[in-house]
C-alpha cells in the first residue's frame, strides 16, 4: 500500500499579490524539481560559521562551485549574502534564481542572546533580480523584541515590492534550552507558527529530533505525545498554516539517512528543502548524483 501523503499548502492556496506569486512560481515551477516543490542551495555559511565549513571540500570556498552545482543540478535557487550576490552572479542571471539573505551574524558570540543585524534590504534584492529574500529570526532569544521590529520593516518593504520572504526560524536562547532544546518538536513547532504569525511566505526550519526520554518533559501536550519524525513534521507543517515549509539538512550526514529524511518530510507535507553542507562539502560529481536522487523523490510529490 502506498504511503499516505499529507496535504501541504500550495502556491494557489496562498493569498498573495502578483509580484510575490510570480516570483514564487519561478522558484517552485520554472526551476528546480518543479511541481510546486522547492530545493534551495544556501551558501551563507561562510558568514554564519566561517571558512571552517569549506575544509572538507576546498573548491567549495569559491562560490563558483556552488553556482555550477546549482545550475547543473537544477536547483530552485541559490542563497547568497549581498557581497557574494554582487560579485559572483553575473554569469548566472536568469539561469539560477537568487534568494538574497538580508541579515546575518558570525558564530563567534554565544547564541544565548542571538540576533542577526540587517546587512542588505529589499531594494537590493529588487536591483539584483532576486526571486525572494531570506531573513533569520531567532525565536525565544532575549533579543527577539529587536528581531521582530527589524523583521517588521523588511516584511513591509517586501509587501510593497512584491518580494516573497523566506524566514529562517531558529529557536535560540537559554529559555529554549530549558524547555527541551532548539531541535525539539516544541521549539521548532513554535518557531514555525511564529513565522506564519509574523508574515513569512516560506519558513525554513530544522527537522525536529525525536528523543523519547527528553520529549516526555516537553511543555503541555508535546510531552504526552509519542513522536516520530513523520508525526513531528506533520505537526510543524500544520502549525505553519498558509506558510510553505522547507526543511534544512544541517551538518553533513549519511546519504541513506538524508534520503530517508527527504522521503519522510515530503510524505508529511513539506514543500521542499534547503541543503547546503550536505551538498557542497562533496566533490561535484558526488553532489550532482545525490541531488538527482533527492529530486527523484521530490518529483513524486508534485502538485
Protein backbone atom coordinates (compact mmCIF):
# COMPACT_ATOMS: atom_id res chain seq x y z
CA UNK A 1 0.00 0.00 0.00
CA UNK A 2 1.38 3.45 -0.93
CA UNK A 3 2.24 5.77 1.96
CA UNK A 4 -0.36 8.44 2.71
CA UNK A 5 0.72 11.88 1.53
CA UNK A 6 -0.11 14.70 3.92
CA UNK A 7 -1.74 17.76 2.40
CA UNK A 8 0.50 20.78 2.16
CA UNK A 9 -0.42 24.33 1.18
CA UNK A 10 0.23 25.04 -2.48
CA UNK A 11 1.08 28.29 -4.21
CA UNK A 12 -2.55 28.53 -5.31
CA UNK A 13 -3.74 28.28 -1.69
CA UNK A 14 -1.80 31.37 -0.66
CA UNK A 15 -3.42 34.80 -0.69
CA UNK A 16 -0.58 36.55 -2.49
CA UNK A 17 -0.46 39.50 -4.86
CA UNK A 18 1.01 39.22 -8.33
CA UNK A 19 4.65 40.07 -7.63
CA UNK A 20 5.10 37.55 -4.83
CA UNK A 21 3.16 34.83 -6.63
CA UNK A 22 5.14 35.30 -9.85
CA UNK A 23 8.48 35.11 -8.05
CA UNK A 24 7.46 32.03 -6.05
CA UNK A 25 6.22 30.44 -9.27
CA UNK A 26 9.73 30.93 -10.65
CA UNK A 27 11.20 29.03 -7.68
CA UNK A 28 8.55 26.32 -7.44
CA UNK A 29 7.66 25.55 -11.06
CA UNK A 30 10.13 27.01 -13.56
CA UNK A 31 13.30 25.95 -11.73
CA UNK A 32 14.27 23.05 -9.51
CA UNK A 33 12.22 19.84 -9.17
CA UNK A 34 9.09 21.82 -10.15
CA UNK A 35 5.51 20.86 -9.48
CA UNK A 36 5.15 23.20 -6.53
CA UNK A 37 8.26 21.98 -4.69
CA UNK A 38 11.43 23.86 -3.80
CA UNK A 39 15.09 22.82 -3.46
CA UNK A 40 17.47 25.62 -2.45
CA UNK A 41 21.26 25.63 -2.18
CA UNK A 42 22.47 28.00 0.57
CA UNK A 43 25.96 29.47 0.72
CA UNK A 44 25.55 31.75 3.73
CA UNK A 45 27.72 29.52 5.93
CA UNK A 46 30.90 31.47 5.21
CA UNK A 47 29.46 34.30 7.29
CA UNK A 48 27.43 32.24 9.74
CA UNK A 49 30.07 29.58 10.52
CA UNK A 50 33.32 30.85 8.98
CA UNK A 51 35.70 29.28 6.41
CA UNK A 52 35.94 26.12 8.53
CA UNK A 53 32.87 24.75 6.71
CA UNK A 54 34.83 24.62 3.45
CA UNK A 55 37.68 22.49 4.82
CA UNK A 56 36.10 19.13 3.80
CA UNK A 57 35.96 20.30 0.15
CA UNK A 58 38.34 23.23 -0.51
CA UNK A 59 36.98 24.02 -4.03
CA UNK A 60 33.68 24.97 -2.35
CA UNK A 61 35.32 28.06 -0.86
CA UNK A 62 34.90 29.62 -4.32
CA UNK A 63 31.17 30.46 -4.82
CA UNK A 64 31.56 29.48 -8.47
CA UNK A 65 31.49 25.87 -7.22
CA UNK A 66 28.03 26.29 -5.67
CA UNK A 67 26.73 28.25 -8.65
CA UNK A 68 27.82 25.50 -11.02
CA UNK A 69 26.25 22.91 -8.73
CA UNK A 70 23.00 24.90 -8.64
CA UNK A 71 22.98 25.27 -12.44
CA UNK A 72 23.98 21.73 -13.37
CA UNK A 73 21.95 20.15 -10.58
CA UNK A 74 18.82 22.11 -11.44
CA UNK A 75 18.17 23.73 -8.07
CA UNK A 76 15.26 26.08 -7.48
CA UNK A 77 17.67 28.79 -6.40
CA UNK A 78 20.83 29.74 -4.54
CA UNK A 79 21.06 31.71 -1.29
CA UNK A 80 23.72 34.44 -1.07
CA UNK A 81 24.51 37.38 1.16
CA UNK A 82 24.84 40.72 -0.62
CA UNK A 83 28.60 40.61 -1.27
CA UNK A 84 28.58 37.24 -2.98
CA UNK A 85 25.45 38.08 -4.96
CA UNK A 86 27.04 41.24 -6.36
CA UNK A 87 30.40 39.64 -7.11
CA UNK A 88 29.51 36.21 -8.48
CA UNK A 89 26.01 36.18 -10.03
CA UNK A 90 26.93 37.95 -13.28
CA UNK A 91 27.17 34.78 -15.43
CA UNK A 92 24.10 33.18 -13.86
CA UNK A 93 21.37 35.84 -14.07
CA UNK A 94 18.23 34.19 -15.41
CA UNK A 95 19.79 30.74 -15.09
CA UNK A 96 19.95 30.34 -11.30
CA UNK A 97 17.33 32.21 -9.24
CA UNK A 98 18.69 34.24 -6.32
CA UNK A 99 17.44 34.33 -2.75
CA UNK A 100 19.14 37.32 -1.13
CA UNK A 101 19.80 36.92 2.59
CA UNK A 102 19.10 40.24 4.33
CA UNK A 103 20.63 39.64 7.76
CA UNK A 104 23.35 37.56 9.34
CA UNK A 105 25.91 37.17 12.10
CA UNK A 106 29.13 35.32 12.83
CA UNK A 107 29.34 32.27 15.10
CA UNK A 108 31.84 33.96 17.42
CA UNK A 109 29.42 35.43 20.02
CA UNK A 110 27.38 32.93 22.08
CA UNK A 111 23.85 32.04 20.99
CA UNK A 112 22.33 33.00 24.37
CA UNK A 113 21.31 36.42 23.04
CA UNK A 114 21.25 35.59 19.35
CA UNK A 115 20.47 38.44 16.97
CA UNK A 116 21.28 38.88 13.26
CA UNK A 117 21.63 42.51 12.22
CA UNK A 118 20.38 43.60 8.81
CA UNK A 119 23.06 43.58 6.10
CA UNK A 120 21.01 44.36 2.97
CA UNK A 121 17.47 45.47 2.11
CA UNK A 122 14.59 44.56 -0.17
CA UNK A 123 15.61 47.26 -2.68
CA UNK A 124 18.96 45.45 -3.06
CA UNK A 125 17.04 42.27 -3.83
CA UNK A 126 14.94 44.03 -6.48
CA UNK A 127 18.04 45.61 -8.01
CA UNK A 128 19.75 42.22 -8.18
CA UNK A 129 16.75 40.47 -9.71
CA UNK A 130 16.16 38.19 -6.72
CA UNK A 131 13.23 35.79 -6.60
CA UNK A 132 12.93 36.04 -2.80
CA UNK A 133 14.63 37.43 0.30
CA UNK A 134 15.73 35.49 3.36
CA UNK A 135 15.67 36.57 6.99
CA UNK A 136 16.94 34.77 10.10
CA UNK A 137 14.59 35.13 13.07
CA UNK A 138 15.74 33.85 16.48
CA UNK A 139 12.60 32.73 18.29
CA UNK A 140 12.93 32.80 22.07
CA UNK A 141 16.14 34.82 22.16
CA UNK A 142 16.26 37.67 24.69
CA UNK A 143 16.83 39.90 21.64
CA UNK A 144 13.63 38.84 19.88
CA UNK A 145 11.98 42.23 20.51
CA UNK A 146 14.65 43.90 18.31
CA UNK A 147 14.36 40.99 15.89
CA UNK A 148 10.59 41.39 15.49
CA UNK A 149 10.92 45.13 14.87
CA UNK A 150 13.72 44.69 12.32
CA UNK A 151 11.78 41.96 10.54
CA UNK A 152 8.61 44.07 10.53
CA UNK A 153 10.25 46.73 8.37
CA UNK A 154 11.59 44.13 5.97
CA UNK A 155 8.16 42.49 5.71
CA UNK A 156 6.52 45.82 4.87
CA UNK A 157 9.15 46.60 2.23
CA UNK A 158 8.75 43.12 0.76
CA UNK A 159 4.99 43.59 0.53
CA UNK A 160 5.48 46.93 -1.22
CA UNK A 161 7.90 45.45 -3.78
CA UNK A 162 6.09 42.13 -4.26
CA UNK A 163 9.04 40.14 -2.90
CA UNK A 164 8.49 36.76 -1.18
CA UNK A 165 10.00 36.41 2.29
CA UNK A 166 11.64 33.19 3.47
CA UNK A 167 12.17 33.16 7.24
CA UNK A 168 14.92 31.05 8.77
CA UNK A 169 13.03 30.38 12.06
CA UNK A 170 15.58 29.27 14.64
CA UNK A 171 14.72 28.71 18.31
CA UNK A 172 17.58 30.06 20.41
CA UNK A 173 18.42 31.14 23.94
CA UNK A 174 18.57 29.84 27.49
CA UNK A 175 14.78 29.72 27.87
CA UNK A 176 14.52 27.46 24.81
CA UNK A 177 17.22 25.18 26.18
CA UNK A 178 15.32 24.88 29.47
CA UNK A 179 12.19 23.72 27.60
CA UNK A 180 13.73 20.85 25.68
CA UNK A 181 16.25 22.49 23.38
CA UNK A 182 16.34 24.15 19.97
CA UNK A 183 15.75 20.93 17.98
CA UNK A 184 12.75 19.67 19.98
CA UNK A 185 9.30 19.46 18.41
CA UNK A 186 8.07 22.05 20.92
CA UNK A 187 10.68 24.64 19.87
CA UNK A 188 10.54 24.05 16.12
CA UNK A 189 6.74 23.88 16.03
CA UNK A 190 6.59 27.18 17.94
CA UNK A 191 9.11 28.77 15.56
CA UNK A 192 7.09 27.71 12.50
CA UNK A 193 3.95 29.24 13.99
CA UNK A 194 5.76 32.49 14.83
CA UNK A 195 6.93 32.79 11.21
CA UNK A 196 3.36 32.32 10.00
CA UNK A 197 2.01 34.87 12.50
CA UNK A 198 4.64 37.49 11.55
CA UNK A 199 4.01 37.27 7.81
CA UNK A 200 6.52 34.83 6.30
CA UNK A 201 5.63 33.36 2.91
CA UNK A 202 8.01 30.42 3.41
CA UNK A 203 9.58 29.19 6.64
CA UNK A 204 12.83 27.27 6.86
CA UNK A 205 13.24 25.10 9.95
CA UNK A 206 15.32 22.15 11.06
CA UNK A 207 13.76 18.70 11.17
CA UNK A 208 12.72 18.10 14.79
CA UNK A 209 14.77 15.45 16.57
CA UNK A 210 12.91 12.66 18.33
CA UNK A 211 14.18 11.72 21.79
CA UNK A 212 11.58 9.78 23.80
CA UNK A 213 13.23 10.42 27.15
CA UNK A 214 13.55 14.16 26.59
CA UNK A 215 10.22 14.51 24.77
CA UNK A 216 8.31 13.33 27.85
CA UNK A 217 9.47 16.51 29.62
CA UNK A 218 8.32 18.96 26.93
CA UNK A 219 5.65 21.55 27.79
CA UNK A 220 1.94 20.72 27.58
CA UNK A 221 0.68 18.09 25.18
CA UNK A 222 4.06 17.93 23.46
CA UNK A 223 5.20 15.86 26.44
CA UNK A 224 2.29 13.43 26.24
CA UNK A 225 2.63 12.60 22.53
CA UNK A 226 4.77 9.76 21.26
CA UNK A 227 6.60 11.49 18.45
CA UNK A 228 8.01 10.03 15.27
CA UNK A 229 9.84 12.11 12.69
CA UNK A 230 6.86 11.98 10.33
CA UNK A 231 4.37 12.93 13.05
CA UNK A 232 6.62 15.82 14.15
CA UNK A 233 6.99 17.14 10.59
CA UNK A 234 3.22 16.90 10.04
CA UNK A 235 2.69 18.95 13.21
CA UNK A 236 5.14 21.64 12.05
CA UNK A 237 3.50 21.88 8.60
CA UNK A 238 0.08 22.20 10.22
CA UNK A 239 1.25 24.88 12.66
CA UNK A 240 2.78 26.87 9.79
CA UNK A 241 -0.68 27.20 8.23
CA UNK A 242 -0.53 29.05 4.90
CA UNK A 243 3.23 29.42 5.13
CA UNK A 244 5.16 26.95 2.99
CA UNK A 245 7.64 24.83 4.98
CA UNK A 246 11.10 23.86 3.79
CA UNK A 247 13.44 21.80 5.94
CA UNK A 248 17.16 22.20 6.47
CA UNK A 249 19.73 19.45 6.16
CA UNK A 250 22.10 20.88 8.77
CA UNK A 251 25.57 19.36 9.04
CA UNK A 252 26.62 16.60 6.64
CA UNK A 253 25.01 13.21 7.29
CA UNK A 254 24.99 9.76 5.68
CA UNK A 255 23.41 9.66 2.19
CA UNK A 256 20.90 6.95 3.08
CA UNK A 257 19.74 8.88 6.15
CA UNK A 258 19.44 12.09 4.16
CA UNK A 259 17.27 10.40 1.52
CA UNK A 260 15.15 8.79 4.24
CA UNK A 261 14.52 12.23 5.72
CA UNK A 262 13.61 13.66 2.31
CA UNK A 263 11.00 10.94 1.74
CA UNK A 264 9.57 11.26 5.26
CA UNK A 265 9.29 15.05 5.10
CA UNK A 266 7.66 15.04 1.67
CA UNK A 267 5.14 12.42 2.83
CA UNK A 268 4.43 14.63 5.86
CA UNK A 269 3.64 17.74 3.80
CA UNK A 270 6.91 19.59 3.29
CA UNK A 271 7.21 21.93 0.32
CA UNK A 272 10.91 21.19 -0.02
CA UNK A 273 14.41 21.52 1.34
CA UNK A 274 17.40 23.78 1.71
CA UNK A 275 20.57 21.66 1.64
CA UNK A 276 23.99 23.30 1.87
CA UNK A 277 26.83 21.43 3.53
CA UNK A 278 25.24 18.08 2.66
CA UNK A 279 25.73 19.04 -0.99
CA UNK A 280 28.80 21.25 -1.41
CA UNK A 281 31.02 19.51 1.13
CA UNK A 282 31.24 16.80 -1.56
CA UNK A 283 33.06 16.65 -4.87
CA UNK A 284 30.95 17.92 -7.75
CA UNK A 285 30.15 14.55 -9.29
CA UNK A 286 29.04 13.09 -5.95
CA UNK A 287 26.97 16.20 -5.14
CA UNK A 288 25.22 16.06 -8.51
CA UNK A 289 24.44 12.37 -8.08
CA UNK A 290 22.90 12.92 -4.63
CA UNK A 291 20.96 15.94 -5.91
CA UNK A 292 19.42 13.82 -8.64
CA UNK A 293 18.30 11.20 -6.09
CA UNK A 294 16.69 13.89 -3.95
CA UNK A 295 14.89 15.42 -6.92
CA UNK A 296 13.64 11.99 -7.98
CA UNK A 297 11.97 11.53 -4.59
CA UNK A 298 10.55 15.06 -4.64
CA UNK A 299 9.10 14.55 -8.12
CA UNK A 300 6.65 12.04 -6.66
CA UNK A 301 5.05 14.83 -4.63
CA UNK A 302 4.39 17.42 -7.34
CA UNK A 303 1.05 19.22 -7.28
